[in-house]
């Protein structure tokens, strides 16, 4: 299928698809100057979407995709586990930062309320 049909079926935008192609996350064949998408690209797109929904950045998704070369092996699992552990640590730090911001805002709110 061509890009228009792919976009419709995947409920996405041309910009998103082109970005994923530029980032080498999708690799459709090019025939007569047009991209041709197969079930493989549909599956890849769904995988990318699931990983993005988890909040993973493109650079991490690229690392995970690289690990697919060792699909189903201990090496892949260990590498992906390291990636996920690193991302969990990043999220924990972000949550801590957000919680500190929340506490500061609550403090300021309470101070303002006491002046009213």
Protein backbone atom coordinates (compact mmCIF):
# COMPACT_ATOMS: atom_id res chain seq x y z
CA UNK A 1 0.00 0.00 0.00
CA UNK A 2 1.10 3.57 -0.54
CA UNK A 3 1.63 6.22 2.11
CA UNK A 4 -1.90 7.65 1.94
CA UNK A 5 -3.55 4.32 2.67
CA UNK A 6 -0.95 3.53 5.34
CA UNK A 7 -1.65 6.85 7.08
CA UNK A 8 -5.38 6.19 7.02
CA UNK A 9 -5.11 2.62 8.29
CA UNK A 10 -2.62 3.51 11.02
CA UNK A 11 -4.51 6.68 12.00
CA UNK A 12 -1.41 8.85 11.83
CA UNK A 13 0.04 11.71 9.82
CA UNK A 14 2.36 11.91 6.85
CA UNK A 15 4.81 13.92 8.97
CA UNK A 16 4.98 11.16 11.59
CA UNK A 17 5.55 8.46 8.99
CA UNK A 18 8.24 10.47 7.22
CA UNK A 19 9.93 11.21 10.56
CA UNK A 20 10.02 7.50 11.41
CA UNK A 21 11.46 6.77 7.97
CA UNK A 22 14.10 9.51 8.42
CA UNK A 23 14.95 8.06 11.85
CA UNK A 24 15.21 4.58 10.25
CA UNK A 25 12.46 3.15 12.43
CA UNK A 26 10.43 2.30 9.34
CA UNK A 27 12.00 1.04 6.13
CA UNK A 28 9.38 0.69 3.41
CA UNK A 29 10.54 -0.18 -0.07
CA UNK A 30 10.55 2.58 -2.63
CA UNK A 31 9.01 1.72 -6.01
CA UNK A 32 8.84 4.26 -8.82
CA UNK A 33 9.70 7.01 -6.33
CA UNK A 34 6.90 6.06 -3.92
CA UNK A 35 7.02 4.24 -0.63
CA UNK A 36 5.28 0.88 -0.51
CA UNK A 37 4.17 -0.26 2.94
CA UNK A 38 3.55 -3.88 3.86
CA UNK A 39 2.29 -5.72 6.92
CA UNK A 40 5.87 -5.55 8.22
CA UNK A 41 5.77 -1.74 8.35
CA UNK A 42 2.31 -1.86 9.92
CA UNK A 43 3.62 -4.12 12.69
CA UNK A 44 6.71 -1.93 13.14
CA UNK A 45 4.53 1.18 13.36
CA UNK A 46 2.30 -0.45 15.99
CA UNK A 47 5.41 -1.42 17.99
CA UNK A 48 6.73 2.14 17.79
CA UNK A 49 3.35 3.50 18.88
CA UNK A 50 3.26 1.15 21.91
CA UNK A 51 6.74 2.22 22.96
CA UNK A 52 5.90 5.91 22.47
CA UNK A 53 2.74 5.41 24.56
CA UNK A 54 5.04 4.21 27.36
CA UNK A 55 6.82 7.56 27.08
CA UNK A 56 9.99 6.21 25.52
CA UNK A 57 11.92 8.70 23.38
CA UNK A 58 12.91 7.94 19.80
CA UNK A 59 16.57 7.36 20.74
CA UNK A 60 15.52 4.56 23.11
CA UNK A 61 13.16 3.04 20.55
CA UNK A 62 16.06 2.97 18.09
CA UNK A 63 18.17 1.08 20.65
CA UNK A 64 15.37 -1.41 21.21
CA UNK A 65 14.94 -1.85 17.46
CA UNK A 66 18.68 -2.53 17.13
CA UNK A 67 18.29 -5.30 19.68
CA UNK A 68 15.73 -7.01 17.44
CA UNK A 69 18.71 -8.34 15.50
CA UNK A 70 19.12 -10.72 18.47
CA UNK A 71 15.40 -11.39 18.80
CA UNK A 72 14.50 -13.99 21.40
CA UNK A 73 17.98 -14.29 22.82
CA UNK A 74 19.35 -13.65 26.28
CA UNK A 75 21.45 -10.85 24.80
CA UNK A 76 18.32 -9.03 23.60
CA UNK A 77 16.54 -9.44 26.92
CA UNK A 78 19.54 -8.24 28.94
CA UNK A 79 20.03 -5.23 26.69
CA UNK A 80 16.34 -4.30 26.76
CA UNK A 81 16.27 -4.76 30.54
CA UNK A 82 19.17 -2.32 30.87
CA UNK A 83 17.37 0.17 28.64
CA UNK A 84 14.14 -0.13 30.62
CA UNK A 85 15.97 0.13 33.97
CA UNK A 86 17.67 3.32 32.77
CA UNK A 87 14.36 4.78 31.64
CA UNK A 88 12.70 3.85 34.93
CA UNK A 89 15.46 5.69 36.78
CA UNK A 90 14.92 8.73 34.57
CA UNK A 91 11.17 8.64 35.22
CA UNK A 92 11.72 8.30 38.99
CA UNK A 93 13.94 11.39 38.97
CA UNK A 94 11.35 13.29 36.95
CA UNK A 95 8.60 12.24 39.37
CA UNK A 96 10.70 13.41 42.32
CA UNK A 97 11.26 16.75 40.60
CA UNK A 98 7.55 17.12 39.87
CA UNK A 99 6.65 16.22 43.44
CA UNK A 100 9.05 18.89 44.75
CA UNK A 101 7.46 21.42 42.40
CA UNK A 102 4.02 20.38 43.62
CA UNK A 103 5.03 20.84 47.26
CA UNK A 104 6.46 24.27 46.52
CA UNK A 105 3.25 25.31 44.77
CA UNK A 106 1.13 24.03 47.66
CA UNK A 107 3.28 26.04 50.07
CA UNK A 108 2.85 29.21 48.00
CA UNK A 109 -0.90 28.59 47.64
CA UNK A 110 -1.28 28.19 51.39
CA UNK A 111 0.73 31.34 52.04
CA UNK A 112 -1.50 33.29 49.64
CA UNK A 113 -4.66 31.87 51.19
CA UNK A 114 -3.51 32.93 54.65
CA UNK A 115 -3.20 36.52 53.41
CA UNK A 116 -6.78 36.62 52.15
